[in-house]
Amino acid sequence: MKQLPLLIYYFFTTGLFSIGGGLATLPFLYDIGHKTGWYTAEDVANMVAIAQSTPGPTGINMSTLCRLHAIWYSRSCSWSL
């Protein structure tokens, strides 16, 4: 639960500073994964593949798939973005 404020901060700043749709968030997502170790570059590639194949906005689908093993984390990512 200690990671939740940090998670909200990272995804809120990603949504605030990335202009151009869901694929514009990729550099931010790679940076978050590199800084925190929450996911790898391969995980980001899998998130993009799944988000592109499901209906809805790509950025929201990618933030929901952040894989932090708790429903509140994935909901917080989506709400923050």
C-alpha atoms as a PDB file:
ATOM      1  CA  MET A   1       0.000   0.000   0.000  1.00  0.00           C
ATOM      2  CA  LYS A   2       3.019   2.282   0.364  1.00  0.00           C
ATOM      3  CA  GLN A   3       3.488   2.307  -3.394  1.00  0.00           C
ATOM      4  CA  LEU A   4       0.027   3.655  -4.131  1.00  0.00           C
ATOM      5  CA  PRO A   5       0.812   7.415  -3.766  1.00  0.00           C
ATOM      6  CA  LEU A   6       3.967   6.994  -5.861  1.00  0.00           C
ATOM      7  CA  LEU A   7       2.008   5.049  -8.467  1.00  0.00           C
ATOM      8  CA  ILE A   8      -0.655   7.748  -8.640  1.00  0.00           C
ATOM      9  CA  TYR A   9       2.031  10.433  -8.941  1.00  0.00           C
ATOM     10  CA  TYR A  10       3.844   8.698 -11.817  1.00  0.00           C
ATOM     11  CA  PHE A  11       0.719   7.961 -13.833  1.00  0.00           C
ATOM     12  CA  PHE A  12      -0.785  11.399 -13.191  1.00  0.00           C
ATOM     13  CA  THR A  13       2.374  13.106 -14.483  1.00  0.00           C
ATOM     14  CA  THR A  14       2.383  10.723 -17.450  1.00  0.00           C
ATOM     15  CA  GLY A  15      -1.152  11.740 -18.352  1.00  0.00           C
ATOM     16  CA  LEU A  16      -0.371  15.397 -17.764  1.00  0.00           C
ATOM     17  CA  PHE A  17       2.737  15.627 -19.942  1.00  0.00           C
ATOM     18  CA  SER A  18       2.098  13.124 -22.733  1.00  0.00           C
ATOM     19  CA  ILE A  19       0.194  14.686 -25.608  1.00  0.00           C
ATOM     20  CA  GLY A  20      -0.769  12.599 -28.598  1.00  0.00           C
ATOM     21  CA  GLY A  21      -2.640   9.546 -27.375  1.00  0.00           C
ATOM     22  CA  GLY A  22      -1.776   6.280 -25.713  1.00  0.00           C
ATOM     23  CA  LEU A  23       1.366   5.574 -27.702  1.00  0.00           C
ATOM     24  CA  ALA A  24       2.786   8.927 -26.622  1.00  0.00           C
ATOM     25  CA  THR A  25       2.969   7.529 -23.078  1.00  0.00           C
ATOM     26  CA  LEU A  26       5.513   4.869 -24.043  1.00  0.00           C
ATOM     27  CA  PRO A  27       8.655   6.859 -23.155  1.00  0.00           C
ATOM     28  CA  PHE A  28       7.117   7.695 -19.784  1.00  0.00           C
ATOM     29  CA  LEU A  29       6.169   4.059 -19.157  1.00  0.00           C
ATOM     30  CA  TYR A  30       9.656   2.844 -20.039  1.00  0.00           C
ATOM     31  CA  ASP A  31      11.087   5.447 -17.663  1.00  0.00           C
ATOM     32  CA  ILE A  32       8.740   4.426 -14.825  1.00  0.00           C
ATOM     33  CA  GLY A  33       9.670   0.767 -15.296  1.00  0.00           C
ATOM     34  CA  HIS A  34      13.371   1.604 -15.343  1.00  0.00           C
ATOM     35  CA  LYS A  35      13.216   3.822 -12.226  1.00  0.00           C
ATOM     36  CA  THR A  36      10.996   1.628 -10.082  1.00  0.00           C
ATOM     37  CA  GLY A  37      11.473  -1.892 -11.398  1.00  0.00           C
ATOM     38  CA  TRP A  38       7.709  -2.470 -11.404  1.00  0.00           C
ATOM     39  CA  TYR A  39       7.839  -3.884 -14.922  1.00  0.00           C
ATOM     40  CA  THR A  40      10.350  -4.562 -17.687  1.00  0.00           C
ATOM     41  CA  ALA A  41      10.547  -3.390 -21.300  1.00  0.00           C
ATOM     42  CA  GLU A  42       9.069  -6.735 -22.325  1.00  0.00           C
ATOM     43  CA  ASP A  43       6.096  -6.075 -20.041  1.00  0.00           C
ATOM     44  CA  VAL A  44       5.559  -2.696 -21.742  1.00  0.00           C
ATOM     45  CA  ALA A  45       5.630  -4.404 -25.148  1.00  0.00           C
ATOM     46  CA  ASN A  46       3.020  -6.893 -23.915  1.00  0.00           C
ATOM     47  CA  MET A  47       0.901  -4.058 -22.517  1.00  0.00           C
ATOM     48  CA  VAL A  48       0.963  -2.316 -25.902  1.00  0.00           C
ATOM     49  CA  ALA A  49       0.028  -5.508 -27.742  1.00  0.00           C
ATOM     50  CA  ILE A  50      -2.918  -6.226 -25.446  1.00  0.00           C
ATOM     51  CA  ALA A  51      -4.049  -2.585 -25.314  1.00  0.00           C
ATOM     52  CA  GLN A  52      -4.040  -2.323 -29.113  1.00  0.00           C
ATOM     53  CA  SER A  53      -6.151  -5.473 -29.487  1.00  0.00           C
ATOM     54  CA  THR A  54      -8.833  -4.527 -26.953  1.00  0.00           C
ATOM     55  CA  PRO A  55     -11.516  -1.889 -27.521  1.00  0.00           C
ATOM     56  CA  GLY A  56     -11.159   1.462 -25.832  1.00  0.00           C
ATOM     57  CA  PRO A  57      -8.503   4.129 -25.411  1.00  0.00           C
ATOM     58  CA  THR A  58      -4.992   2.701 -25.636  1.00  0.00           C
ATOM     59  CA  GLY A  59      -3.618   4.718 -22.724  1.00  0.00           C
ATOM     60  CA  ILE A  60      -6.335   3.603 -20.336  1.00  0.00           C
ATOM     61  CA  ASN A  61      -5.971  -0.027 -21.396  1.00  0.00           C
ATOM     62  CA  MET A  62      -2.209   0.136 -20.897  1.00  0.00           C
ATOM     63  CA  SER A  63      -2.511   1.728 -17.461  1.00  0.00           C
ATOM     64  CA  THR A  64      -5.011  -0.925 -16.376  1.00  0.00           C
ATOM     65  CA  LEU A  65      -2.502  -3.624 -17.317  1.00  0.00           C
ATOM     66  CA  CYS A  66       0.248  -2.255 -15.068  1.00  0.00           C
ATOM     67  CA  ARG A  67       0.522  -5.714 -13.412  1.00  0.00           C
ATOM     68  CA  LEU A  68       0.951  -4.762  -9.804  1.00  0.00           C
ATOM     69  CA  HIS A  69      -1.131  -7.715  -8.595  1.00  0.00           C
ATOM     70  CA  ALA A  70      -3.880  -5.710  -6.947  1.00  0.00           C
ATOM     71  CA  ILE A  71      -7.095  -4.369  -8.361  1.00  0.00           C
ATOM     72  CA  TRP A  72      -6.693  -1.044  -6.506  1.00  0.00           C
ATOM     73  CA  TYR A  73      -3.334  -0.449  -8.140  1.00  0.00           C
ATOM     74  CA  SER A  74      -4.651  -0.950 -11.650  1.00  0.00           C
ATOM     75  CA  ARG A  75      -7.715   1.192 -10.908  1.00  0.00           C
ATOM     76  CA  SER A  76      -5.520   3.932  -9.483  1.00  0.00           C
ATOM     77  CA  CYS A  77      -3.357   3.881 -12.605  1.00  0.00           C
ATOM     78  CA  SER A  78      -6.411   4.280 -14.812  1.00  0.00           C
ATOM     79  CA  TRP A  79      -7.912   7.054 -12.681  1.00  0.00           C
ATOM     80  CA  SER A  80      -4.597   8.907 -12.496  1.00  0.00           C
ATOM     81  CA  LEU A  81      -3.996   8.817 -16.224  1.00  0.00           C
END
